[in-house]
Each structure stands twice: as C-alpha cells, then as structure tokens.
Amino acid sequence: MKIVKKALLSAILVSMIIWIVSSIPGYLEHRAAMAKWAPEKAGIEAAKDIASGSVKIYLHGSFAAYAVGVDEQFMPLIKGLPREDAGVGCVIDDLDVFEAQREYATRYNKLIVEHMQSRSEKNG
C-alpha cells in the first residue's frame, strides 16, 4: 500500500511539474505583451512619434477594427496617416492584453488627434 501511495504522489508531482513548466512560456508571453501595451506608455510613444514626424493611428477591434479614441468629426484630420495594429482580429487569446491594447491605442490616438488639430489650426 505504501508503494502505491508513493507512486501516486510521484505521478501527481511529475504531472504538476510538467503543467508548471509548460505554462511558463504562455505566462512570459502574457507578461511581455502587457509590458509592451502598458497604457501609461502610450503618451511616451506619441510624443516620440510627434517629435520625429512619424505619427500613425492605431486600429483596434475584433470583427471590425477602427481608430479607437477618434471622434467621427476628426476622421478627416487622420485620413492620410499610416495605420497600425493594436489588437485586431476575430480570435482573442488573451483578453487582458486585448483590453490593454484598446486603452493604449485610445490614449495614443487621442494625443495624435490633438497634435493634428493644433497643426491644422496653425496652418490655417
């Protein structure tokens, strides 16, 4: 009976170790994606892009991607800007990352729209 208990405990322990080891890559990918799309970094990227003259607009959405954070009235201001993916696709593997991408894109886009507005007002 003792041998059966030891074998069972060993099997459980090995199974847990396998599960933990196989979970680490997914966990690390999640952490990396959350760091990349940390909403508080959106302003930093927007400021860099404005300074370098390489602004863009982020698109976000599952079935239909759109420029989050941009009111319809400002669409003419951004019509010629390049578009980038910030969480686009029908299959959402990680909802936390998807939501972080939405918030990041919203903040970035709002700053770009403000910049484009002030640029437009200066140019007449």
N, C-alpha and C. Protein backbone atom coordinates (compact mmCIF):
# COMPACT_ATOMS: atom_id res chain seq x y z
N MET A 1 0.82 -1.20 0.00
CA MET A 1 0.00 0.00 0.00
C MET A 1 0.86 1.27 0.00
N LYS A 2 1.99 1.23 0.76
CA LYS A 2 2.90 2.36 0.80
C LYS A 2 3.51 2.65 -0.56
N ILE A 3 3.82 1.62 -1.31
CA ILE A 3 4.41 1.77 -2.64
C ILE A 3 3.41 2.42 -3.58
N VAL A 4 2.14 2.05 -3.48
CA VAL A 4 1.09 2.62 -4.33
C VAL A 4 0.93 4.11 -4.01
N LYS A 5 0.93 4.48 -2.73
CA LYS A 5 0.81 5.88 -2.34
C LYS A 5 1.99 6.69 -2.87
N LYS A 6 3.21 6.14 -2.73
CA LYS A 6 4.40 6.83 -3.23
C LYS A 6 4.33 7.00 -4.74
N ALA A 7 3.90 5.96 -5.43
CA ALA A 7 3.79 6.03 -6.89
C ALA A 7 2.75 7.07 -7.30
N LEU A 8 1.62 7.09 -6.59
CA LEU A 8 0.56 8.06 -6.88
C LEU A 8 1.05 9.48 -6.62
N LEU A 9 1.71 9.69 -5.48
CA LEU A 9 2.25 11.01 -5.17
C LEU A 9 3.31 11.43 -6.18
N SER A 10 4.14 10.50 -6.60
CA SER A 10 5.16 10.80 -7.61
C SER A 10 4.52 11.18 -8.93
N ALA A 11 3.48 10.46 -9.32
CA ALA A 11 2.78 10.76 -10.57
C ALA A 11 2.13 12.14 -10.50
N ILE A 12 1.54 12.48 -9.37
CA ILE A 12 0.92 13.79 -9.20
C ILE A 12 1.98 14.88 -9.25
N LEU A 13 3.10 14.66 -8.55
CA LEU A 13 4.18 15.63 -8.54
C LEU A 13 4.75 15.85 -9.95
N VAL A 14 4.99 14.78 -10.68
CA VAL A 14 5.51 14.89 -12.04
C VAL A 14 4.50 15.63 -12.93
N SER A 15 3.22 15.32 -12.78
CA SER A 15 2.18 15.99 -13.57
C SER A 15 2.16 17.49 -13.28
N MET A 16 2.28 17.86 -12.01
CA MET A 16 2.28 19.27 -11.63
C MET A 16 3.50 19.98 -12.20
N ILE A 17 4.65 19.33 -12.14
CA ILE A 17 5.87 19.94 -12.68
C ILE A 17 5.74 20.14 -14.18
N ILE A 18 5.22 19.16 -14.87
CA ILE A 18 5.01 19.28 -16.33
C ILE A 18 4.05 20.42 -16.63
N TRP A 19 2.98 20.53 -15.87
CA TRP A 19 2.00 21.60 -16.08
C TRP A 19 2.64 22.97 -15.85
N ILE A 20 3.41 23.09 -14.77
CA ILE A 20 4.06 24.36 -14.47
C ILE A 20 5.06 24.74 -15.56
N VAL A 21 5.89 23.82 -15.94
CA VAL A 21 6.90 24.09 -16.96
C VAL A 21 6.25 24.45 -18.30
N SER A 22 5.17 23.78 -18.63
CA SER A 22 4.50 24.07 -19.91
C SER A 22 3.73 25.39 -19.85
N SER A 23 3.42 25.88 -18.67
CA SER A 23 2.69 27.15 -18.52
C SER A 23 3.61 28.36 -18.57
N ILE A 24 4.86 28.18 -18.27
CA ILE A 24 5.79 29.31 -18.19
C ILE A 24 5.88 30.09 -19.49
N PRO A 25 6.04 29.46 -20.66
CA PRO A 25 6.13 30.28 -21.89
C PRO A 25 4.90 31.16 -22.10
N GLY A 26 3.70 30.62 -21.88
CA GLY A 26 2.49 31.42 -22.03
C GLY A 26 2.43 32.57 -21.05
N TYR A 27 2.87 32.31 -19.83
CA TYR A 27 2.89 33.34 -18.81
C TYR A 27 3.88 34.44 -19.19
N LEU A 28 5.05 34.04 -19.66
CA LEU A 28 6.06 35.02 -20.06
C LEU A 28 5.60 35.84 -21.27
N GLU A 29 4.93 35.21 -22.22
CA GLU A 29 4.38 35.94 -23.38
C GLU A 29 3.34 36.95 -22.92
N HIS A 30 2.49 36.54 -21.98
CA HIS A 30 1.46 37.43 -21.44
C HIS A 30 2.12 38.65 -20.79
N ARG A 31 3.12 38.39 -19.95
CA ARG A 31 3.82 39.48 -19.26
C ARG A 31 4.49 40.43 -20.25
N ALA A 32 5.12 39.88 -21.28
CA ALA A 32 5.79 40.71 -22.28
C ALA A 32 4.78 41.57 -23.04
N ALA A 33 3.65 40.97 -23.40
CA ALA A 33 2.62 41.72 -24.13
C ALA A 33 2.02 42.81 -23.25
N MET A 34 1.80 42.50 -21.98
CA MET A 34 1.24 43.51 -21.07
C MET A 34 2.23 44.66 -20.89
N ALA A 35 3.51 44.36 -20.86
CA ALA A 35 4.52 45.42 -20.73
C ALA A 35 4.56 46.27 -21.99
N LYS A 36 4.49 45.62 -23.15
CA LYS A 36 4.53 46.36 -24.42
C LYS A 36 3.34 47.29 -24.56
N TRP A 37 2.16 46.83 -24.15
CA TRP A 37 0.94 47.60 -24.33
C TRP A 37 0.48 48.30 -23.06
N ALA A 38 1.38 48.57 -22.13
CA ALA A 38 1.02 49.29 -20.90
C ALA A 38 0.47 50.66 -21.28
N PRO A 39 -0.79 50.94 -20.97
CA PRO A 39 -1.42 52.19 -21.41
C PRO A 39 -0.65 53.45 -21.02
N GLU A 40 0.03 53.41 -19.88
CA GLU A 40 0.76 54.61 -19.46
C GLU A 40 1.95 54.92 -20.36
N LYS A 41 2.34 54.00 -21.23
CA LYS A 41 3.44 54.23 -22.17
C LYS A 41 2.97 54.88 -23.48
N ALA A 42 1.67 54.96 -23.69
CA ALA A 42 1.14 55.50 -24.94
C ALA A 42 1.56 56.95 -25.16
N GLY A 43 1.54 57.74 -24.11
CA GLY A 43 1.93 59.14 -24.22
C GLY A 43 3.39 59.31 -24.61
N ILE A 44 4.23 58.42 -24.09
CA ILE A 44 5.66 58.47 -24.42
C ILE A 44 5.86 58.18 -25.90
N GLU A 45 5.19 57.14 -26.40
CA GLU A 45 5.32 56.80 -27.82
C GLU A 45 4.76 57.92 -28.69
N ALA A 46 3.63 58.47 -28.30
CA ALA A 46 3.02 59.55 -29.09
C ALA A 46 3.97 60.76 -29.15
N ALA A 47 4.57 61.11 -28.03
CA ALA A 47 5.50 62.25 -28.00
C ALA A 47 6.71 62.00 -28.90
N LYS A 48 7.24 60.78 -28.86
CA LYS A 48 8.38 60.43 -29.73
C LYS A 48 7.99 60.51 -31.20
N ASP A 49 6.82 59.96 -31.52
CA ASP A 49 6.36 59.96 -32.91
C ASP A 49 6.09 61.37 -33.42
N ILE A 50 5.52 62.21 -32.57
CA ILE A 50 5.26 63.60 -32.96
C ILE A 50 6.59 64.31 -33.19
N ALA A 51 7.54 64.10 -32.29
CA ALA A 51 8.85 64.75 -32.42
C ALA A 51 9.58 64.30 -33.68
N SER A 52 9.42 63.03 -34.04
CA SER A 52 10.12 62.51 -35.22
C SER A 52 9.33 62.71 -36.51
N GLY A 53 8.10 63.17 -36.39
CA GLY A 53 7.26 63.38 -37.57
C GLY A 53 6.75 62.09 -38.17
N SER A 54 6.68 61.04 -37.38
CA SER A 54 6.21 59.73 -37.89
C SER A 54 4.98 59.25 -37.13
N VAL A 55 3.96 60.09 -37.09
CA VAL A 55 2.74 59.72 -36.39
C VAL A 55 1.94 58.69 -37.19
N LYS A 56 1.11 57.98 -36.49
CA LYS A 56 0.25 56.95 -37.08
C LYS A 56 -1.03 56.90 -36.28
N ILE A 57 -1.93 56.04 -36.69
CA ILE A 57 -3.17 55.81 -35.94
C ILE A 57 -3.27 54.31 -35.69
N TYR A 58 -3.58 53.98 -34.45
CA TYR A 58 -3.76 52.57 -34.09
C TYR A 58 -5.21 52.15 -34.33
N LEU A 59 -5.36 50.96 -34.90
CA LEU A 59 -6.67 50.34 -35.08
C LEU A 59 -6.83 49.24 -34.05
N HIS A 60 -8.04 49.08 -33.58
CA HIS A 60 -8.33 48.05 -32.59
C HIS A 60 -9.74 47.51 -32.84
N GLY A 61 -9.93 46.23 -32.59
CA GLY A 61 -11.26 45.64 -32.69
C GLY A 61 -11.19 44.18 -33.07
N SER A 62 -12.30 43.50 -32.83
CA SER A 62 -12.33 42.07 -33.13
C SER A 62 -12.89 41.84 -34.53
N PHE A 63 -14.17 41.99 -34.71
CA PHE A 63 -14.75 41.76 -36.04
C PHE A 63 -14.53 42.92 -36.98
N ALA A 64 -14.56 44.13 -36.43
CA ALA A 64 -14.34 45.33 -37.25
C ALA A 64 -13.37 46.23 -36.50
N ALA A 65 -12.21 46.42 -37.04
CA ALA A 65 -11.21 47.28 -36.42
C ALA A 65 -11.49 48.74 -36.77
N TYR A 66 -11.23 49.62 -35.82
CA TYR A 66 -11.46 51.04 -36.07
C TYR A 66 -10.46 51.85 -35.24
N ALA A 67 -10.38 53.12 -35.53
CA ALA A 67 -9.46 54.03 -34.83
C ALA A 67 -10.09 54.42 -33.50
N VAL A 68 -9.78 53.65 -32.47
CA VAL A 68 -10.35 53.91 -31.14
C VAL A 68 -9.88 55.26 -30.62
N GLY A 69 -10.79 55.96 -29.94
CA GLY A 69 -10.45 57.25 -29.37
C GLY A 69 -10.54 58.42 -30.33
N VAL A 70 -10.96 58.16 -31.56
CA VAL A 70 -11.06 59.23 -32.56
C VAL A 70 -12.53 59.47 -32.88
N ASP A 71 -13.01 60.66 -32.54
CA ASP A 71 -14.39 61.02 -32.86
C ASP A 71 -14.55 61.16 -34.37
N GLU A 72 -15.73 60.88 -34.83
CA GLU A 72 -16.04 60.92 -36.27
C GLU A 72 -15.65 62.26 -36.89
N GLN A 73 -15.85 63.35 -36.17
CA GLN A 73 -15.56 64.68 -36.72
C GLN A 73 -14.07 64.88 -37.03
N PHE A 74 -13.20 64.07 -36.41
CA PHE A 74 -11.76 64.23 -36.62
C PHE A 74 -11.19 63.26 -37.65
N MET A 75 -12.02 62.45 -38.23
CA MET A 75 -11.55 61.48 -39.22
C MET A 75 -10.84 62.16 -40.40
N PRO A 76 -11.32 63.30 -40.89
CA PRO A 76 -10.59 63.95 -41.99
C PRO A 76 -9.15 64.34 -41.62
N LEU A 77 -8.91 64.65 -40.35
CA LEU A 77 -7.57 65.03 -39.91
C LEU A 77 -6.58 63.87 -40.00
N ILE A 78 -7.09 62.65 -39.84
CA ILE A 78 -6.19 61.50 -39.76
C ILE A 78 -6.25 60.60 -40.99
N LYS A 79 -7.00 61.01 -41.99
CA LYS A 79 -7.25 60.10 -43.13
C LYS A 79 -5.98 59.66 -43.85
N GLY A 80 -4.94 60.47 -43.89
CA GLY A 80 -3.74 60.09 -44.62
C GLY A 80 -2.66 59.43 -43.77
N LEU A 81 -2.93 59.26 -42.49
CA LEU A 81 -1.91 58.69 -41.61
C LEU A 81 -1.83 57.17 -41.75
N PRO A 82 -0.63 56.62 -41.58
CA PRO A 82 -0.49 55.15 -41.61
C PRO A 82 -1.28 54.53 -40.46
N ARG A 83 -1.69 53.30 -40.67
CA ARG A 83 -2.45 52.56 -39.65
C ARG A 83 -1.59 51.43 -39.10
N GLU A 84 -1.73 51.18 -37.79
CA GLU A 84 -1.02 50.09 -37.13
C GLU A 84 -2.01 49.25 -36.34
N ASP A 85 -1.68 48.01 -36.17
CA ASP A 85 -2.50 47.05 -35.44
C ASP A 85 -2.25 47.16 -33.93
N ALA A 86 -3.31 47.34 -33.19
CA ALA A 86 -3.24 47.34 -31.72
C ALA A 86 -4.36 46.43 -31.22
N GLY A 87 -4.27 45.18 -31.57
CA GLY A 87 -5.30 44.24 -31.14
C GLY A 87 -6.40 44.14 -32.17
N VAL A 88 -6.09 43.56 -33.31
CA VAL A 88 -7.05 43.39 -34.39
C VAL A 88 -7.18 41.91 -34.69
N GLY A 89 -8.39 41.41 -34.71
CA GLY A 89 -8.61 40.01 -35.06
C GLY A 89 -9.84 39.43 -34.41
N CYS A 90 -10.39 38.42 -35.01
CA CYS A 90 -11.61 37.80 -34.51
C CYS A 90 -11.36 36.89 -33.30
N VAL A 91 -10.18 36.32 -33.23
CA VAL A 91 -9.86 35.40 -32.13
C VAL A 91 -9.03 36.16 -31.10
N ILE A 92 -9.53 36.21 -29.89
CA ILE A 92 -8.83 36.91 -28.81
C ILE A 92 -8.31 35.86 -27.84
N ASP A 93 -6.99 35.69 -27.85
CA ASP A 93 -6.37 34.68 -26.99
C ASP A 93 -6.21 35.16 -25.56
N ASP A 94 -5.99 36.44 -25.36
CA ASP A 94 -5.70 36.98 -24.04
C ASP A 94 -6.48 38.28 -23.87
N LEU A 95 -7.59 38.19 -23.15
CA LEU A 95 -8.48 39.34 -23.00
C LEU A 95 -7.80 40.49 -22.27
N ASP A 96 -6.93 40.20 -21.30
CA ASP A 96 -6.21 41.27 -20.60
C ASP A 96 -5.35 42.08 -21.56
N VAL A 97 -4.63 41.39 -22.43
CA VAL A 97 -3.79 42.07 -23.41
C VAL A 97 -4.66 42.84 -24.40
N PHE A 98 -5.75 42.25 -24.84
CA PHE A 98 -6.66 42.90 -25.78
C PHE A 98 -7.19 44.22 -25.19
N GLU A 99 -7.56 44.21 -23.93
CA GLU A 99 -8.06 45.42 -23.27
C GLU A 99 -6.94 46.45 -23.09
N ALA A 100 -5.73 45.98 -22.76
CA ALA A 100 -4.60 46.90 -22.64
C ALA A 100 -4.29 47.55 -23.99
N GLN A 101 -4.38 46.77 -25.06
CA GLN A 101 -4.16 47.31 -26.40
C GLN A 101 -5.19 48.39 -26.73
N ARG A 102 -6.45 48.13 -26.36
CA ARG A 102 -7.51 49.11 -26.62
C ARG A 102 -7.23 50.41 -25.89
N GLU A 103 -6.88 50.32 -24.63
CA GLU A 103 -6.61 51.52 -23.84
C GLU A 103 -5.37 52.25 -24.35
N TYR A 104 -4.33 51.51 -24.67
CA TYR A 104 -3.10 52.10 -25.22
C TYR A 104 -3.43 52.85 -26.51
N ALA A 105 -4.11 52.18 -27.42
CA ALA A 105 -4.45 52.78 -28.72
C ALA A 105 -5.33 54.01 -28.55
N THR A 106 -6.28 53.95 -27.64
CA THR A 106 -7.17 55.08 -27.39
C THR A 106 -6.36 56.29 -26.92
N ARG A 107 -5.48 56.08 -25.95
CA ARG A 107 -4.67 57.19 -25.44
C ARG A 107 -3.75 57.75 -26.51
N TYR A 108 -3.09 56.86 -27.23
CA TYR A 108 -2.17 57.30 -28.29
C TYR A 108 -2.94 58.10 -29.34
N ASN A 109 -4.03 57.54 -29.83
CA ASN A 109 -4.80 58.19 -30.89
C ASN A 109 -5.31 59.57 -30.47
N LYS A 110 -5.76 59.70 -29.23
CA LYS A 110 -6.26 61.00 -28.77
C LYS A 110 -5.15 62.05 -28.80
N LEU A 111 -3.96 61.65 -28.40
CA LEU A 111 -2.84 62.59 -28.44
C LEU A 111 -2.47 62.98 -29.87
N ILE A 112 -2.54 62.02 -30.77
CA ILE A 112 -2.23 62.31 -32.17
C ILE A 112 -3.29 63.24 -32.77
N VAL A 113 -4.55 63.00 -32.43
CA VAL A 113 -5.62 63.88 -32.94
C VAL A 113 -5.42 65.30 -32.41
N GLU A 114 -5.06 65.44 -31.13
CA GLU A 114 -4.79 66.78 -30.58
C GLU A 114 -3.66 67.45 -31.34
N HIS A 115 -2.61 66.69 -31.62
CA HIS A 115 -1.47 67.23 -32.38
C HIS A 115 -1.91 67.65 -33.78
N MET A 116 -2.66 66.81 -34.44
CA MET A 116 -3.11 67.12 -35.80
C MET A 116 -4.03 68.33 -35.80
N GLN A 117 -4.86 68.47 -34.78
CA GLN A 117 -5.74 69.63 -34.66
C GLN A 117 -4.92 70.91 -34.53
N SER A 118 -3.95 70.89 -33.63
CA SER A 118 -3.16 72.11 -33.41
C SER A 118 -2.33 72.44 -34.66
N ARG A 119 -1.85 71.43 -35.34
CA ARG A 119 -1.10 71.63 -36.59
C ARG A 119 -2.01 72.24 -37.66
N SER A 120 -3.23 71.74 -37.73
CA SER A 120 -4.20 72.24 -38.71
C SER A 120 -4.58 73.69 -38.41
N GLU A 121 -4.73 74.01 -37.14
CA GLU A 121 -5.08 75.39 -36.76
C GLU A 121 -3.94 76.35 -37.08
N LYS A 122 -2.70 75.91 -36.87
CA LYS A 122 -1.54 76.76 -37.18
C LYS A 122 -1.40 77.01 -38.67
N ASN A 123 -1.74 75.99 -39.46
CA ASN A 123 -1.60 76.09 -40.92
C ASN A 123 -2.77 76.78 -41.58
N GLY A 124 -3.78 77.07 -40.78
CA GLY A 124 -4.86 77.85 -41.35
C GLY A 124 -6.04 77.08 -41.65
